Amino acid sequence: MVTRIPAAFKNLQCPTLFLSGEKDRIISPSQAKQAIALNPKFQYTEIPKVGHFPMLENPDIYQQEIRQFLQN
């Protein structure tokens, strides 16, 4: 997966939002930032004070970020 995922990311043609929790220990913010660097269509948003499940830990901010991304 270490080689397959970056290759797949490079080939995505649609705008893509990466949401990361500031305190994520599974996919750290630095790892997420490396992933978005692979494609200029990627947008990165870091949600403060949450871990790997921002959709559960702070659903209001999570949904707000998705809505904002979809409106652009």
PDB file of N, CA and C in Angstrom:
ATOM      1  N   MET A   1       0.815  -1.196   0.000  1.00  0.00           N
ATOM      2  CA  MET A   1       0.000   0.000   0.000  1.00  0.00           C
ATOM      3  C   MET A   1       0.860   1.261   0.000  1.00  0.00           C
ATOM      4  N   VAL A   2       2.051   1.162   0.549  1.00  0.00           N
ATOM      5  CA  VAL A   2       2.923   2.334   0.631  1.00  0.00           C
ATOM      6  C   VAL A   2       3.252   2.888  -0.754  1.00  0.00           C
ATOM      7  N   THR A   3       3.353   2.036  -1.741  1.00  0.00           N
ATOM      8  CA  THR A   3       3.633   2.507  -3.096  1.00  0.00           C
ATOM      9  C   THR A   3       2.363   2.680  -3.924  1.00  0.00           C
ATOM     10  N   ARG A   4       1.353   1.881  -3.663  1.00  0.00           N
ATOM     11  CA  ARG A   4       0.126   1.951  -4.463  1.00  0.00           C
ATOM     12  C   ARG A   4      -0.709   3.193  -4.169  1.00  0.00           C
ATOM     13  N   ILE A   5      -0.819   3.576  -2.920  1.00  0.00           N
ATOM     14  CA  ILE A   5      -1.644   4.741  -2.575  1.00  0.00           C
ATOM     15  C   ILE A   5      -1.072   6.026  -3.171  1.00  0.00           C
ATOM     16  N   PRO A   6       0.225   6.326  -3.010  1.00  0.00           N
ATOM     17  CA  PRO A   6       0.735   7.555  -3.641  1.00  0.00           C
ATOM     18  C   PRO A   6       0.537   7.571  -5.156  1.00  0.00           C
ATOM     19  N   ALA A   7       0.703   6.442  -5.809  1.00  0.00           N
ATOM     20  CA  ALA A   7       0.488   6.389  -7.261  1.00  0.00           C
ATOM     21  C   ALA A   7      -0.963   6.694  -7.601  1.00  0.00           C
ATOM     22  N   ALA A   8      -1.877   6.175  -6.825  1.00  0.00           N
ATOM     23  CA  ALA A   8      -3.304   6.438  -7.052  1.00  0.00           C
ATOM     24  C   ALA A   8      -3.626   7.910  -6.793  1.00  0.00           C
ATOM     25  N   PHE A   9      -3.038   8.492  -5.768  1.00  0.00           N
ATOM     26  CA  PHE A   9      -3.274   9.910  -5.462  1.00  0.00           C
ATOM     27  C   PHE A   9      -2.829  10.799  -6.624  1.00  0.00           C
ATOM     28  N   LYS A  10      -1.700  10.489  -7.212  1.00  0.00           N
ATOM     29  CA  LYS A  10      -1.189  11.294  -8.320  1.00  0.00           C
ATOM     30  C   LYS A  10      -2.137  11.290  -9.518  1.00  0.00           C
ATOM     31  N   ASN A  11      -2.884  10.212  -9.677  1.00  0.00           N
ATOM     32  CA  ASN A  11      -3.750  10.064 -10.847  1.00  0.00           C
ATOM     33  C   ASN A  11      -5.157  10.610 -10.664  1.00  0.00           C
ATOM     34  N   LEU A  12      -5.532  11.010  -9.469  1.00  0.00           N
ATOM     35  CA  LEU A  12      -6.876  11.559  -9.257  1.00  0.00           C
ATOM     36  C   LEU A  12      -7.036  12.866 -10.015  1.00  0.00           C
ATOM     37  N   GLN A  13      -8.142  13.004 -10.699  1.00  0.00           N
ATOM     38  CA  GLN A  13      -8.380  14.195 -11.514  1.00  0.00           C
ATOM     39  C   GLN A  13      -9.393  15.159 -10.902  1.00  0.00           C
ATOM     40  N   CYS A  14     -10.074  14.754  -9.857  1.00  0.00           N
ATOM     41  CA  CYS A  14     -11.105  15.608  -9.272  1.00  0.00           C
ATOM     42  C   CYS A  14     -10.573  16.279  -7.998  1.00  0.00           C
ATOM     43  N   PRO A  15     -11.109  17.451  -7.669  1.00  0.00           N
ATOM     44  CA  PRO A  15     -10.721  18.084  -6.406  1.00  0.00           C
ATOM     45  C   PRO A  15     -11.026  17.149  -5.236  1.00  0.00           C
ATOM     46  N   THR A  16     -10.104  17.063  -4.312  1.00  0.00           N
ATOM     47  CA  THR A  16     -10.221  16.123  -3.206  1.00  0.00           C
ATOM     48  C   THR A  16      -9.879  16.827  -1.896  1.00  0.00           C
ATOM     49  N   LEU A  17     -10.707  16.624  -0.896  1.00  0.00           N
ATOM     50  CA  LEU A  17     -10.489  17.212   0.418  1.00  0.00           C
ATOM     51  C   LEU A  17      -9.918  16.165   1.363  1.00  0.00           C
ATOM     52  N   PHE A  18      -8.818  16.500   2.006  1.00  0.00           N
ATOM     53  CA  PHE A  18      -8.246  15.678   3.065  1.00  0.00           C
ATOM     54  C   PHE A  18      -8.543  16.377   4.385  1.00  0.00           C
ATOM     55  N   LEU A  19      -9.275  15.722   5.241  1.00  0.00           N
ATOM     56  CA  LEU A  19      -9.537  16.246   6.581  1.00  0.00           C
ATOM     57  C   LEU A  19      -8.689  15.447   7.560  1.00  0.00           C
ATOM     58  N   SER A  20      -7.955  16.133   8.372  1.00  0.00           N
ATOM     59  CA  SER A  20      -7.069  15.481   9.325  1.00  0.00           C
ATOM     60  C   SER A  20      -7.317  16.048  10.715  1.00  0.00           C
ATOM     61  N   GLY A  21      -7.229  15.177  11.699  1.00  0.00           N
ATOM     62  CA  GLY A  21      -7.304  15.632  13.080  1.00  0.00           C
ATOM     63  C   GLY A  21      -5.929  16.047  13.560  1.00  0.00           C
ATOM     64  N   GLU A  22      -5.855  17.151  14.237  1.00  0.00           N
ATOM     65  CA  GLU A  22      -4.583  17.668  14.743  1.00  0.00           C
ATOM     66  C   GLU A  22      -3.841  16.620  15.579  1.00  0.00           C
ATOM     67  N   LYS A  23      -4.581  15.792  16.300  1.00  0.00           N
ATOM     68  CA  LYS A  23      -3.967  14.819  17.209  1.00  0.00           C
ATOM     69  C   LYS A  23      -4.074  13.387  16.700  1.00  0.00           C
ATOM     70  N   ASP A  24      -4.260  13.220  15.392  1.00  0.00           N
ATOM     71  CA  ASP A  24      -4.383  11.888  14.796  1.00  0.00           C
ATOM     72  C   ASP A  24      -3.077  11.119  14.965  1.00  0.00           C
ATOM     73  N   ARG A  25      -3.141   9.953  15.563  1.00  0.00           N
ATOM     74  CA  ARG A  25      -1.957   9.116  15.774  1.00  0.00           C
ATOM     75  C   ARG A  25      -1.859   7.996  14.745  1.00  0.00           C
ATOM     76  N   ILE A  26      -2.885   7.822  13.928  1.00  0.00           N
ATOM     77  CA  ILE A  26      -2.865   6.771  12.911  1.00  0.00           C
ATOM     78  C   ILE A  26      -2.320   7.325  11.595  1.00  0.00           C
ATOM     79  N   ILE A  27      -2.873   8.448  11.152  1.00  0.00           N
ATOM     80  CA  ILE A  27      -2.349   9.174   9.989  1.00  0.00           C
ATOM     81  C   ILE A  27      -2.071  10.586  10.486  1.00  0.00           C
ATOM     82  N   SER A  28      -0.831  10.825  10.794  1.00  0.00           N
ATOM     83  CA  SER A  28      -0.469  12.109  11.393  1.00  0.00           C
ATOM     84  C   SER A  28      -0.683  13.247  10.405  1.00  0.00           C
ATOM     85  N   PRO A  29      -0.862  14.457  10.913  1.00  0.00           N
ATOM     86  CA  PRO A  29      -0.975  15.594  10.012  1.00  0.00           C
ATOM     87  C   PRO A  29       0.207  15.706   9.042  1.00  0.00           C
ATOM     88  N   SER A  30       1.408  15.390   9.492  1.00  0.00           N
ATOM     89  CA  SER A  30       2.561  15.464   8.580  1.00  0.00           C
ATOM     90  C   SER A  30       2.447  14.439   7.454  1.00  0.00           C
ATOM     91  N   GLN A  31       1.925  13.236   7.754  1.00  0.00           N
ATOM     92  CA  GLN A  31       1.713  12.241   6.708  1.00  0.00           C
ATOM     93  C   GLN A  31       0.621  12.693   5.736  1.00  0.00           C
ATOM     94  N   ALA A  32      -0.431  13.305   6.264  1.00  0.00           N
ATOM     95  CA  ALA A  32      -1.505  13.804   5.407  1.00  0.00           C
ATOM     96  C   ALA A  32      -0.980  14.907   4.498  1.00  0.00           C
ATOM     97  N   LYS A  33      -0.140  15.770   5.018  1.00  0.00           N
ATOM     98  CA  LYS A  33       0.434  16.850   4.207  1.00  0.00           C
ATOM     99  C   LYS A  33       1.327  16.299   3.107  1.00  0.00           C
ATOM    100  N   GLN A  34       2.028  15.215   3.388  1.00  0.00           N
ATOM    101  CA  GLN A  34       2.837  14.569   2.339  1.00  0.00           C
ATOM    102  C   GLN A  34       1.938  14.022   1.242  1.00  0.00           C
ATOM    103  N   ALA A  35       0.796  13.479   1.616  1.00  0.00           N
ATOM    104  CA  ALA A  35      -0.137  12.932   0.630  1.00  0.00           C
ATOM    105  C   ALA A  35      -0.695  14.029  -0.263  1.00  0.00           C
ATOM    106  N   ILE A  36      -1.065  15.160   0.310  1.00  0.00           N
ATOM    107  CA  ILE A  36      -1.660  16.207  -0.520  1.00  0.00           C
ATOM    108  C   ILE A  36      -0.627  16.867  -1.424  1.00  0.00           C
ATOM    109  N   ALA A  37       0.630  16.776  -1.070  1.00  0.00           N
ATOM    110  CA  ALA A  37       1.678  17.351  -1.914  1.00  0.00           C
ATOM    111  C   ALA A  37       1.800  16.611  -3.246  1.00  0.00           C
ATOM    112  N   LEU A  38       1.185  15.435  -3.351  1.00  0.00           N
ATOM    113  CA  LEU A  38       1.282  14.637  -4.566  1.00  0.00           C
ATOM    114  C   LEU A  38       0.390  15.128  -5.697  1.00  0.00           C
ATOM    115  N   ASN A  39      -0.563  16.000  -5.386  1.00  0.00           N
ATOM    116  CA  ASN A  39      -1.529  16.383  -6.407  1.00  0.00           C
ATOM    117  C   ASN A  39      -2.034  17.799  -6.124  1.00  0.00           C
ATOM    118  N   PRO A  40      -1.948  18.693  -7.095  1.00  0.00           N
ATOM    119  CA  PRO A  40      -2.393  20.069  -6.862  1.00  0.00           C
ATOM    120  C   PRO A  40      -3.907  20.207  -6.689  1.00  0.00           C
ATOM    121  N   LYS A  41      -4.667  19.166  -6.987  1.00  0.00           N
ATOM    122  CA  LYS A  41      -6.123  19.222  -6.818  1.00  0.00           C
ATOM    123  C   LYS A  41      -6.552  18.894  -5.393  1.00  0.00           C
ATOM    124  N   PHE A  42      -5.603  18.548  -4.558  1.00  0.00           N
ATOM    125  CA  PHE A  42      -5.910  18.194  -3.177  1.00  0.00           C
ATOM    126  C   PHE A  42      -5.938  19.442  -2.299  1.00  0.00           C
ATOM    127  N   GLN A  43      -6.867  19.428  -1.367  1.00  0.00           N
ATOM    128  CA  GLN A  43      -6.956  20.491  -0.367  1.00  0.00           C
ATOM    129  C   GLN A  43      -6.856  19.837   1.010  1.00  0.00           C
ATOM    130  N   TYR A  44      -6.107  20.442   1.896  1.00  0.00           N
ATOM    131  CA  TYR A  44      -5.893  19.900   3.234  1.00  0.00           C
ATOM    132  C   TYR A  44      -6.532  20.816   4.275  1.00  0.00           C
ATOM    133  N   THR A  45      -7.259  20.220   5.191  1.00  0.00           N
ATOM    134  CA  THR A  45      -7.818  20.952   6.326  1.00  0.00           C
ATOM    135  C   THR A  45      -7.544  20.142   7.587  1.00  0.00           C
ATOM    136  N   GLU A  46      -6.996  20.809   8.570  1.00  0.00           N
ATOM    137  CA  GLU A  46      -6.692  20.161   9.845  1.00  0.00           C
ATOM    138  C   GLU A  46      -7.683  20.666  10.891  1.00  0.00           C
ATOM    139  N   ILE A  47      -8.336  19.753  11.555  1.00  0.00           N
ATOM    140  CA  ILE A  47      -9.315  20.107  12.587  1.00  0.00           C
ATOM    141  C   ILE A  47      -8.621  20.043  13.948  1.00  0.00           C
ATOM    142  N   PRO A  48      -8.603  21.160  14.670  1.00  0.00           N
ATOM    143  CA  PRO A  48      -7.897  21.195  15.952  1.00  0.00           C
ATOM    144  C   PRO A  48      -8.548  20.323  17.028  1.00  0.00           C
ATOM    145  N   LYS A  49      -7.693  19.831  17.902  1.00  0.00           N
ATOM    146  CA  LYS A  49      -8.096  19.139  19.128  1.00  0.00           C
ATOM    147  C   LYS A  49      -8.841  17.834  18.903  1.00  0.00           C
ATOM    148  N   VAL A  50      -8.702  17.198  17.729  1.00  0.00           N
ATOM    149  CA  VAL A  50      -9.342  15.894  17.494  1.00  0.00           C
ATOM    150  C   VAL A  50      -8.300  14.910  16.978  1.00  0.00           C
ATOM    151  N   GLY A  51      -8.641  13.634  17.072  1.00  0.00           N
ATOM    152  CA  GLY A  51      -7.757  12.570  16.622  1.00  0.00           C
ATOM    153  C   GLY A  51      -8.169  12.023  15.259  1.00  0.00           C
ATOM    154  N   HIS A  52      -8.181  10.698  15.151  1.00  0.00           N
ATOM    155  CA  HIS A  52      -8.406  10.019  13.874  1.00  0.00           C
ATOM    156  C   HIS A  52      -9.862  10.049  13.416  1.00  0.00           C
ATOM    157  N   PHE A  53     -10.775  10.352  14.303  1.00  0.00           N
ATOM    158  CA  PHE A  53     -12.193  10.339  13.949  1.00  0.00           C
ATOM    159  C   PHE A  53     -12.840  11.708  14.155  1.00  0.00           C
ATOM    160  N   PRO A  54     -12.430  12.706  13.369  1.00  0.00           N
ATOM    161  CA  PRO A  54     -13.003  14.042  13.560  1.00  0.00           C
ATOM    162  C   PRO A  54     -14.513  14.070  13.324  1.00  0.00           C
ATOM    163  N   MET A  55     -15.007  13.158  12.499  1.00  0.00           N
ATOM    164  CA  MET A  55     -16.448  13.117  12.236  1.00  0.00           C
ATOM    165  C   MET A  55     -17.246  12.722  13.474  1.00  0.00           C
ATOM    166  N   LEU A  56     -16.586  12.066  14.418  1.00  0.00           N
ATOM    167  CA  LEU A  56     -17.229  11.692  15.681  1.00  0.00           C
ATOM    168  C   LEU A  56     -16.857  12.639  16.813  1.00  0.00           C
ATOM    169  N   GLU A  57     -15.624  13.103  16.785  1.00  0.00           N
ATOM    170  CA  GLU A  57     -15.114  13.932  17.874  1.00  0.00           C
ATOM    171  C   GLU A  57     -15.590  15.381  17.795  1.00  0.00           C
ATOM    172  N   ASN A  58     -15.794  15.860  16.575  1.00  0.00           N
ATOM    173  CA  ASN A  58     -16.308  17.227  16.401  1.00  0.00           C
ATOM    174  C   ASN A  58     -17.113  17.278  15.094  1.00  0.00           C
ATOM    175  N   PRO A  59     -18.283  16.649  15.089  1.00  0.00           N
ATOM    176  CA  PRO A  59     -19.058  16.543  13.851  1.00  0.00           C
ATOM    177  C   PRO A  59     -19.484  17.885  13.271  1.00  0.00           C
ATOM    178  N   ASP A  60     -19.688  18.889  14.099  1.00  0.00           N
ATOM    179  CA  ASP A  60     -20.108  20.189  13.580  1.00  0.00           C
ATOM    180  C   ASP A  60     -19.022  20.817  12.696  1.00  0.00           C
ATOM    181  N   ILE A  61     -17.805  20.839  13.193  1.00  0.00           N
ATOM    182  CA  ILE A  61     -16.695  21.400  12.409  1.00  0.00           C
ATOM    183  C   ILE A  61     -16.441  20.532  11.180  1.00  0.00           C
ATOM    184  N   TYR A  62     -16.490  19.233  11.347  1.00  0.00           N
ATOM    185  CA  TYR A  62     -16.277  18.300  10.236  1.00  0.00           C
ATOM    186  C   TYR A  62     -17.264  18.585   9.100  1.00  0.00           C
ATOM    187  N   GLN A  63     -18.527  18.675   9.431  1.00  0.00           N
ATOM    188  CA  GLN A  63     -19.550  18.942   8.417  1.00  0.00           C
ATOM    189  C   GLN A  63     -19.389  20.331   7.816  1.00  0.00           C
ATOM    190  N   GLN A  64     -19.025  21.294   8.619  1.00  0.00           N
ATOM    191  CA  GLN A  64     -18.798  22.651   8.129  1.00  0.00           C
ATOM    192  C   GLN A  64     -17.689  22.664   7.081  1.00  0.00           C
ATOM    193  N   GLU A  65     -16.607  21.962   7.349  1.00  0.00           N
ATOM    194  CA  GLU A  65     -15.488  21.918   6.407  1.00  0.00           C
ATOM    195  C   GLU A  65     -15.894  21.245   5.097  1.00  0.00           C
ATOM    196  N   ILE A  66     -16.666  20.180   5.188  1.00  0.00           N
ATOM    197  CA  ILE A  66     -17.123  19.501   3.973  1.00  0.00           C
ATOM    198  C   ILE A  66     -18.044  20.410   3.167  1.00  0.00           C
ATOM    199  N   ARG A  67     -18.976  21.059   3.841  1.00  0.00           N
ATOM    200  CA  ARG A  67     -19.890  21.981   3.139  1.00  0.00           C
ATOM    201  C   ARG A  67     -19.109  23.088   2.434  1.00  0.00           C
ATOM    202  N   GLN A  68     -18.159  23.654   3.123  1.00  0.00           N
ATOM    203  CA  GLN A  68     -17.349  24.729   2.545  1.00  0.00           C
ATOM    204  C   GLN A  68     -16.604  24.236   1.300  1.00  0.00           C
ATOM    205  N   PHE A  69     -16.021  23.049   1.378  1.00  0.00           N
ATOM    206  CA  PHE A  69     -15.301  22.484   0.249  1.00  0.00           C
ATOM    207  C   PHE A  69     -16.241  22.259  -0.944  1.00  0.00           C
ATOM    208  N   LEU A  70     -17.422  21.748  -0.683  1.00  0.00           N
ATOM    209  CA  LEU A  70     -18.365  21.453  -1.764  1.00  0.00           C
ATOM    210  C   LEU A  70     -18.930  22.706  -2.409  1.00  0.00           C
ATOM    211  N   GLN A  71     -18.970  23.797  -1.674  1.00  0.00           N
ATOM    212  CA  GLN A  71     -19.480  25.048  -2.219  1.00  0.00           C
ATOM    213  C   GLN A  71     -18.476  25.743  -3.135  1.00  0.00           C
ATOM    214  N   ASN A  72     -17.222  25.407  -3.004  1.00  0.00           N
ATOM    215  CA  ASN A  72     -16.186  26.060  -3.839  1.00  0.00           C
ATOM    216  C   ASN A  72     -16.047  25.417  -5.174  1.00  0.00           C
TER     217      ASN A  72
END
